[in-house]
Amino acid sequence: MLGVGIAIGAGIGTTIFAITGDAFWIAVGPAF
């Protein structure tokens, strides 16, 4: 389930990055 969580987090981070343009979310998404 860890891999699934990382995939979900990366998707969320990428989506927020696309909306805000803040690269911070690229790193925070997988950590989440």
All heavy atoms as atom14 arrays in JSON, in Angstrom:
{
  "sequence": "MLGVGIAIGAGIGTTIFAITGDAFWIAVGPAF",
  "atom14_mask": [
    [1, 1, 1, 1, 1, 1, 1, 1, 0, 0, 0, 0, 0, 0],
    [1, 1, 1, 1, 1, 1, 1, 1, 0, 0, 0, 0, 0, 0],
    [1, 1, 1, 1, 0, 0, 0, 0, 0, 0, 0, 0, 0, 0],
    [1, 1, 1, 1, 1, 1, 1, 0, 0, 0, 0, 0, 0, 0],
    [1, 1, 1, 1, 0, 0, 0, 0, 0, 0, 0, 0, 0, 0],
    [1, 1, 1, 1, 1, 1, 1, 1, 0, 0, 0, 0, 0, 0],
    [1, 1, 1, 1, 1, 0, 0, 0, 0, 0, 0, 0, 0, 0],
    [1, 1, 1, 1, 1, 1, 1, 1, 0, 0, 0, 0, 0, 0],
    [1, 1, 1, 1, 0, 0, 0, 0, 0, 0, 0, 0, 0, 0],
    [1, 1, 1, 1, 1, 0, 0, 0, 0, 0, 0, 0, 0, 0],
    [1, 1, 1, 1, 0, 0, 0, 0, 0, 0, 0, 0, 0, 0],
    [1, 1, 1, 1, 1, 1, 1, 1, 0, 0, 0, 0, 0, 0],
    [1, 1, 1, 1, 0, 0, 0, 0, 0, 0, 0, 0, 0, 0],
    [1, 1, 1, 1, 1, 1, 1, 0, 0, 0, 0, 0, 0, 0],
    [1, 1, 1, 1, 1, 1, 1, 0, 0, 0, 0, 0, 0, 0],
    [1, 1, 1, 1, 1, 1, 1, 1, 0, 0, 0, 0, 0, 0],
    [1, 1, 1, 1, 1, 1, 1, 1, 1, 1, 1, 0, 0, 0],
    [1, 1, 1, 1, 1, 0, 0, 0, 0, 0, 0, 0, 0, 0],
    [1, 1, 1, 1, 1, 1, 1, 1, 0, 0, 0, 0, 0, 0],
    [1, 1, 1, 1, 1, 1, 1, 0, 0, 0, 0, 0, 0, 0],
    [1, 1, 1, 1, 0, 0, 0, 0, 0, 0, 0, 0, 0, 0],
    [1, 1, 1, 1, 1, 1, 1, 1, 0, 0, 0, 0, 0, 0],
    [1, 1, 1, 1, 1, 0, 0, 0, 0, 0, 0, 0, 0, 0],
    [1, 1, 1, 1, 1, 1, 1, 1, 1, 1, 1, 0, 0, 0],
    [1, 1, 1, 1, 1, 1, 1, 1, 1, 1, 1, 1, 1, 1],
    [1, 1, 1, 1, 1, 1, 1, 1, 0, 0, 0, 0, 0, 0],
    [1, 1, 1, 1, 1, 0, 0, 0, 0, 0, 0, 0, 0, 0],
    [1, 1, 1, 1, 1, 1, 1, 0, 0, 0, 0, 0, 0, 0],
    [1, 1, 1, 1, 0, 0, 0, 0, 0, 0, 0, 0, 0, 0],
    [1, 1, 1, 1, 1, 1, 1, 0, 0, 0, 0, 0, 0, 0],
    [1, 1, 1, 1, 1, 0, 0, 0, 0, 0, 0, 0, 0, 0],
    [1, 1, 1, 1, 1, 1, 1, 1, 1, 1, 1, 0, 0, 0]
  ],
  "atom14_positions": [
    [[0.82, -1.2, 0.0], [0.0, 0.0, 0.0], [0.86, 1.26, 0.0], [0.37, 2.32, -0.31], [-0.93, 0.02, 1.22], [-1.99, -1.07, 1.2], [-3.06, -0.97, -0.21], [-4.45, -0.12, 0.47], [0.0, 0.0, 0.0], [0.0, 0.0, 0.0], [0.0, 0.0, 0.0], [0.0, 0.0, 0.0], [0.0, 0.0, 0.0], [0.0, 0.0, 0.0]],
    [[2.12, 1.11, 0.34], [3.0, 2.27, 0.36], [3.16, 2.84, -1.05], [3.11, 4.06, -1.25], [4.36, 1.91, 0.96], [5.33, 3.06, 1.2], [4.72, 4.07, 2.15], [6.62, 2.52, 1.75], [0.0, 0.0, 0.0], [0.0, 0.0, 0.0], [0.0, 0.0, 0.0], [0.0, 0.0, 0.0], [0.0, 0.0, 0.0], [0.0, 0.0, 0.0]],
    [[3.32, 1.96, -2.02], [3.44, 2.41, -3.4], [2.2, 3.13, -3.89], [2.29, 4.12, -4.62], [0.0, 0.0, 0.0], [0.0, 0.0, 0.0], [0.0, 0.0, 0.0], [0.0, 0.0, 0.0], [0.0, 0.0, 0.0], [0.0, 0.0, 0.0], [0.0, 0.0, 0.0], [0.0, 0.0, 0.0], [0.0, 0.0, 0.0], [0.0, 0.0, 0.0]],
    [[1.04, 2.64, -3.48], [-0.22, 3.28, -3.86], [-0.3, 4.67, -3.24], [-0.69, 5.63, -3.9], [-1.42, 2.41, -3.42], [-2.73, 3.14, -3.65], [-1.41, 1.08, -4.14], [0.0, 0.0, 0.0], [0.0, 0.0, 0.0], [0.0, 0.0, 0.0], [0.0, 0.0, 0.0], [0.0, 0.0, 0.0], [0.0, 0.0, 0.0], [0.0, 0.0, 0.0]],
    [[0.1, 4.77, -1.98], [0.08, 6.08, -1.31], [1.0, 7.07, -1.98], [0.64, 8.24, -2.17], [0.0, 0.0, 0.0], [0.0, 0.0, 0.0], [0.0, 0.0, 0.0], [0.0, 0.0, 0.0], [0.0, 0.0, 0.0], [0.0, 0.0, 0.0], [0.0, 0.0, 0.0], [0.0, 0.0, 0.0], [0.0, 0.0, 0.0], [0.0, 0.0, 0.0]],
    [[2.2, 6.61, -2.37], [3.15, 7.5, -3.03], [2.58, 7.95, -4.38], [2.69, 9.12, -4.75], [4.51, 6.82, -3.19], [5.15, 6.62, -1.82], [5.43, 7.64, -4.09], [6.41, 5.78, -1.83], [0.0, 0.0, 0.0], [0.0, 0.0, 0.0], [0.0, 0.0, 0.0], [0.0, 0.0, 0.0], [0.0, 0.0, 0.0], [0.0, 0.0, 0.0]],
    [[1.96, 7.03, -5.1], [1.37, 7.38, -6.39], [0.25, 8.41, -6.23], [0.16, 9.37, -7.0], [0.85, 6.13, -7.08], [0.0, 0.0, 0.0], [0.0, 0.0, 0.0], [0.0, 0.0, 0.0], [0.0, 0.0, 0.0], [0.0, 0.0, 0.0], [0.0, 0.0, 0.0], [0.0, 0.0, 0.0], [0.0, 0.0, 0.0], [0.0, 0.0, 0.0]],
    [[-0.59, 8.21, -5.23], [-1.66, 9.17, -4.97], [-1.08, 10.52, -4.58], [-1.5, 11.57, -5.07], [-2.61, 8.64, -3.87], [-3.39, 7.43, -4.38], [-3.57, 9.74, -3.41], [-4.18, 6.71, -3.31], [0.0, 0.0, 0.0], [0.0, 0.0, 0.0], [0.0, 0.0, 0.0], [0.0, 0.0, 0.0], [0.0, 0.0, 0.0], [0.0, 0.0, 0.0]],
    [[-0.09, 10.51, -3.68], [0.54, 11.75, -3.25], [1.22, 12.48, -4.39], [1.14, 13.7, -4.51], [0.0, 0.0, 0.0], [0.0, 0.0, 0.0], [0.0, 0.0, 0.0], [0.0, 0.0, 0.0], [0.0, 0.0, 0.0], [0.0, 0.0, 0.0], [0.0, 0.0, 0.0], [0.0, 0.0, 0.0], [0.0, 0.0, 0.0], [0.0, 0.0, 0.0]],
    [[1.89, 11.73, -5.26], [2.56, 12.35, -6.41], [1.52, 12.97, -7.36], [1.75, 14.06, -7.9], [3.4, 11.32, -7.15], [0.0, 0.0, 0.0], [0.0, 0.0, 0.0], [0.0, 0.0, 0.0], [0.0, 0.0, 0.0], [0.0, 0.0, 0.0], [0.0, 0.0, 0.0], [0.0, 0.0, 0.0], [0.0, 0.0, 0.0], [0.0, 0.0, 0.0]],
    [[0.42, 12.29, -7.53], [-0.64, 12.84, -8.37], [-1.23, 14.11, -7.79], [-1.46, 15.08, -8.51], [0.0, 0.0, 0.0], [0.0, 0.0, 0.0], [0.0, 0.0, 0.0], [0.0, 0.0, 0.0], [0.0, 0.0, 0.0], [0.0, 0.0, 0.0], [0.0, 0.0, 0.0], [0.0, 0.0, 0.0], [0.0, 0.0, 0.0], [0.0, 0.0, 0.0]],
    [[-1.45, 14.12, -6.49], [-1.96, 15.32, -5.83], [-0.94, 16.45, -5.94], [-1.29, 17.59, -6.25], [-2.31, 15.02, -4.36], [-3.51, 14.09, -4.28], [-2.58, 16.32, -3.59], [-3.79, 13.55, -2.89], [0.0, 0.0, 0.0], [0.0, 0.0, 0.0], [0.0, 0.0, 0.0], [0.0, 0.0, 0.0], [0.0, 0.0, 0.0], [0.0, 0.0, 0.0]],
    [[0.33, 16.13, -5.67], [1.38, 17.15, -5.76], [1.5, 17.72, -7.16], [1.66, 18.93, -7.34], [0.0, 0.0, 0.0], [0.0, 0.0, 0.0], [0.0, 0.0, 0.0], [0.0, 0.0, 0.0], [0.0, 0.0, 0.0], [0.0, 0.0, 0.0], [0.0, 0.0, 0.0], [0.0, 0.0, 0.0], [0.0, 0.0, 0.0], [0.0, 0.0, 0.0]],
    [[1.43, 16.87, -8.18], [1.52, 17.33, -9.56], [0.33, 18.21, -9.94], [0.48, 19.22, -10.62], [1.6, 16.12, -10.52], [2.72, 15.32, -10.15], [1.75, 16.56, -11.95], [0.0, 0.0, 0.0], [0.0, 0.0, 0.0], [0.0, 0.0, 0.0], [0.0, 0.0, 0.0], [0.0, 0.0, 0.0], [0.0, 0.0, 0.0], [0.0, 0.0, 0.0]],
    [[-0.84, 17.83, -9.46], [-2.04, 18.62, -9.74], [-1.95, 20.0, -9.11], [-2.23, 21.01, -9.76], [-3.3, 17.88, -9.24], [-3.37, 16.6, -9.86], [-4.56, 18.68, -9.54], [0.0, 0.0, 0.0], [0.0, 0.0, 0.0], [0.0, 0.0, 0.0], [0.0, 0.0, 0.0], [0.0, 0.0, 0.0], [0.0, 0.0, 0.0], [0.0, 0.0, 0.0]],
    [[-1.54, 20.05, -7.85], [-1.42, 21.35, -7.17], [-0.32, 22.19, -7.83], [-0.47, 23.39, -8.0], [-1.16, 21.16, -5.66], [-2.39, 20.51, -5.0], [-0.86, 22.5, -4.99], [-2.19, 20.15, -3.55], [0.0, 0.0, 0.0], [0.0, 0.0, 0.0], [0.0, 0.0, 0.0], [0.0, 0.0, 0.0], [0.0, 0.0, 0.0], [0.0, 0.0, 0.0]],
    [[0.79, 21.53, -8.25], [1.85, 22.25, -8.96], [1.32, 22.85, -10.25], [1.64, 23.99, -10.59], [3.02, 21.31, -9.25], [4.03, 21.88, -10.2], [4.85, 22.92, -9.8], [4.15, 21.38, -11.48], [5.78, 23.46, -10.68], [5.07, 21.9, -12.36], [5.88, 22.95, -11.96], [0.0, 0.0, 0.0], [0.0, 0.0, 0.0], [0.0, 0.0, 0.0]],
    [[0.5, 22.09, -10.98], [-0.05, 22.6, -12.23], [-0.96, 23.81, -12.0], [-1.01, 24.73, -12.81], [-0.83, 21.49, -12.94], [0.0, 0.0, 0.0], [0.0, 0.0, 0.0], [0.0, 0.0, 0.0], [0.0, 0.0, 0.0], [0.0, 0.0, 0.0], [0.0, 0.0, 0.0], [0.0, 0.0, 0.0], [0.0, 0.0, 0.0], [0.0, 0.0, 0.0]],
    [[-1.65, 23.81, -10.86], [-2.56, 24.92, -10.56], [-1.79, 26.14, -10.06], [-2.04, 27.26, -10.5], [-3.61, 24.48, -9.52], [-4.53, 23.41, -10.12], [-4.42, 25.67, -9.01], [-5.43, 22.73, -9.1], [0.0, 0.0, 0.0], [0.0, 0.0, 0.0], [0.0, 0.0, 0.0], [0.0, 0.0, 0.0], [0.0, 0.0, 0.0], [0.0, 0.0, 0.0]],
    [[-0.86, 25.92, -9.14], [-0.19, 27.04, -8.48], [1.13, 27.42, -9.13], [1.57, 28.56, -9.01], [0.09, 26.71, -7.0], [1.02, 25.63, -6.92], [-1.18, 26.38, -6.26], [0.0, 0.0, 0.0], [0.0, 0.0, 0.0], [0.0, 0.0, 0.0], [0.0, 0.0, 0.0], [0.0, 0.0, 0.0], [0.0, 0.0, 0.0], [0.0, 0.0, 0.0]],
    [[1.81, 26.49, -9.78], [3.11, 26.75, -10.35], [4.23, 26.74, -9.32], [5.36, 27.1, -9.61], [0.0, 0.0, 0.0], [0.0, 0.0, 0.0], [0.0, 0.0, 0.0], [0.0, 0.0, 0.0], [0.0, 0.0, 0.0], [0.0, 0.0, 0.0], [0.0, 0.0, 0.0], [0.0, 0.0, 0.0], [0.0, 0.0, 0.0], [0.0, 0.0, 0.0]],
    [[3.93, 26.32, -8.11], [4.91, 26.29, -7.02], [5.54, 24.9, -6.95], [4.87, 23.92, -6.61], [4.22, 26.64, -5.71], [5.17, 26.85, -4.55], [6.39, 26.82, -4.78], [4.68, 27.04, -3.42], [0.0, 0.0, 0.0], [0.0, 0.0, 0.0], [0.0, 0.0, 0.0], [0.0, 0.0, 0.0], [0.0, 0.0, 0.0], [0.0, 0.0, 0.0]],
    [[6.83, 24.8, -7.26], [7.52, 23.5, -7.32], [7.59, 22.81, -5.96], [7.89, 21.63, -5.89], [8.92, 23.69, -7.89], [0.0, 0.0, 0.0], [0.0, 0.0, 0.0], [0.0, 0.0, 0.0], [0.0, 0.0, 0.0], [0.0, 0.0, 0.0], [0.0, 0.0, 0.0], [0.0, 0.0, 0.0], [0.0, 0.0, 0.0], [0.0, 0.0, 0.0]],
    [[7.31, 23.53, -4.91], [7.28, 22.96, -3.56], [6.38, 21.72, -3.51], [6.69, 20.74, -2.84], [6.78, 24.05, -2.59], [6.4, 23.55, -1.23], [7.38, 23.25, -0.3], [5.07, 23.41, -0.86], [7.04, 22.82, 0.97], [4.73, 22.97, 0.41], [5.71, 22.67, 1.31], [0.0, 0.0, 0.0], [0.0, 0.0, 0.0], [0.0, 0.0, 0.0]],
    [[5.29, 21.75, -4.24], [4.31, 20.66, -4.19], [4.81, 19.39, -4.86], [4.33, 18.3, -4.56], [2.99, 21.11, -4.81], [2.35, 22.15, -3.97], [2.28, 23.47, -4.23], [1.73, 21.96, -2.7], [1.64, 24.12, -3.2], [1.29, 23.21, -2.24], [1.49, 20.83, -1.9], [0.64, 23.37, -1.03], [0.84, 21.0, -0.69], [0.43, 22.25, -0.26]],
    [[5.79, 19.51, -5.77], [6.36, 18.33, -6.41], [7.07, 17.46, -5.36], [7.03, 16.24, -5.41], [7.34, 18.73, -7.53], [6.58, 19.44, -8.65], [8.09, 17.54, -8.06], [5.62, 18.56, -9.42], [0.0, 0.0, 0.0], [0.0, 0.0, 0.0], [0.0, 0.0, 0.0], [0.0, 0.0, 0.0], [0.0, 0.0, 0.0], [0.0, 0.0, 0.0]],
    [[7.71, 18.11, -4.38], [8.41, 17.38, -3.32], [7.46, 16.95, -2.21], [7.6, 15.88, -1.63], [9.53, 18.24, -2.75], [0.0, 0.0, 0.0], [0.0, 0.0, 0.0], [0.0, 0.0, 0.0], [0.0, 0.0, 0.0], [0.0, 0.0, 0.0], [0.0, 0.0, 0.0], [0.0, 0.0, 0.0], [0.0, 0.0, 0.0], [0.0, 0.0, 0.0]],
    [[6.5, 17.8, -1.89], [5.6, 17.51, -0.76], [4.6, 16.41, -1.1], [4.24, 15.62, -0.23], [4.87, 18.8, -0.33], [3.76, 18.51, 0.66], [5.86, 19.78, 0.27], [0.0, 0.0, 0.0], [0.0, 0.0, 0.0], [0.0, 0.0, 0.0], [0.0, 0.0, 0.0], [0.0, 0.0, 0.0], [0.0, 0.0, 0.0], [0.0, 0.0, 0.0]],
    [[4.18, 16.31, -2.34], [3.19, 15.31, -2.75], [3.61, 13.89, -2.41], [2.9, 13.19, -1.68], [0.0, 0.0, 0.0], [0.0, 0.0, 0.0], [0.0, 0.0, 0.0], [0.0, 0.0, 0.0], [0.0, 0.0, 0.0], [0.0, 0.0, 0.0], [0.0, 0.0, 0.0], [0.0, 0.0, 0.0], [0.0, 0.0, 0.0], [0.0, 0.0, 0.0]],
    [[4.78, 13.42, -2.89], [5.2, 12.06, -2.55], [5.47, 11.86, -1.06], [5.21, 10.79, -0.52], [6.49, 11.88, -3.36], [6.36, 12.82, -4.49], [5.6, 14.0, -3.95], [0.0, 0.0, 0.0], [0.0, 0.0, 0.0], [0.0, 0.0, 0.0], [0.0, 0.0, 0.0], [0.0, 0.0, 0.0], [0.0, 0.0, 0.0], [0.0, 0.0, 0.0]],
    [[5.95, 12.9, -0.38], [6.17, 12.79, 1.06], [4.83, 12.58, 1.78], [4.72, 11.75, 2.69], [6.87, 14.04, 1.6], [0.0, 0.0, 0.0], [0.0, 0.0, 0.0], [0.0, 0.0, 0.0], [0.0, 0.0, 0.0], [0.0, 0.0, 0.0], [0.0, 0.0, 0.0], [0.0, 0.0, 0.0], [0.0, 0.0, 0.0], [0.0, 0.0, 0.0]],
    [[3.82, 13.3, 1.35], [2.47, 13.09, 1.88], [1.99, 11.68, 1.54], [1.34, 11.02, 2.35], [1.51, 14.13, 1.3], [0.06, 13.85, 1.6], [-0.45, 14.02, 2.86], [-0.79, 13.39, 0.59], [-1.78, 13.76, 3.13], [-2.11, 13.12, 0.85], [-2.61, 13.3, 2.13], [0.0, 0.0, 0.0], [0.0, 0.0, 0.0], [0.0, 0.0, 0.0]]
  ]
}
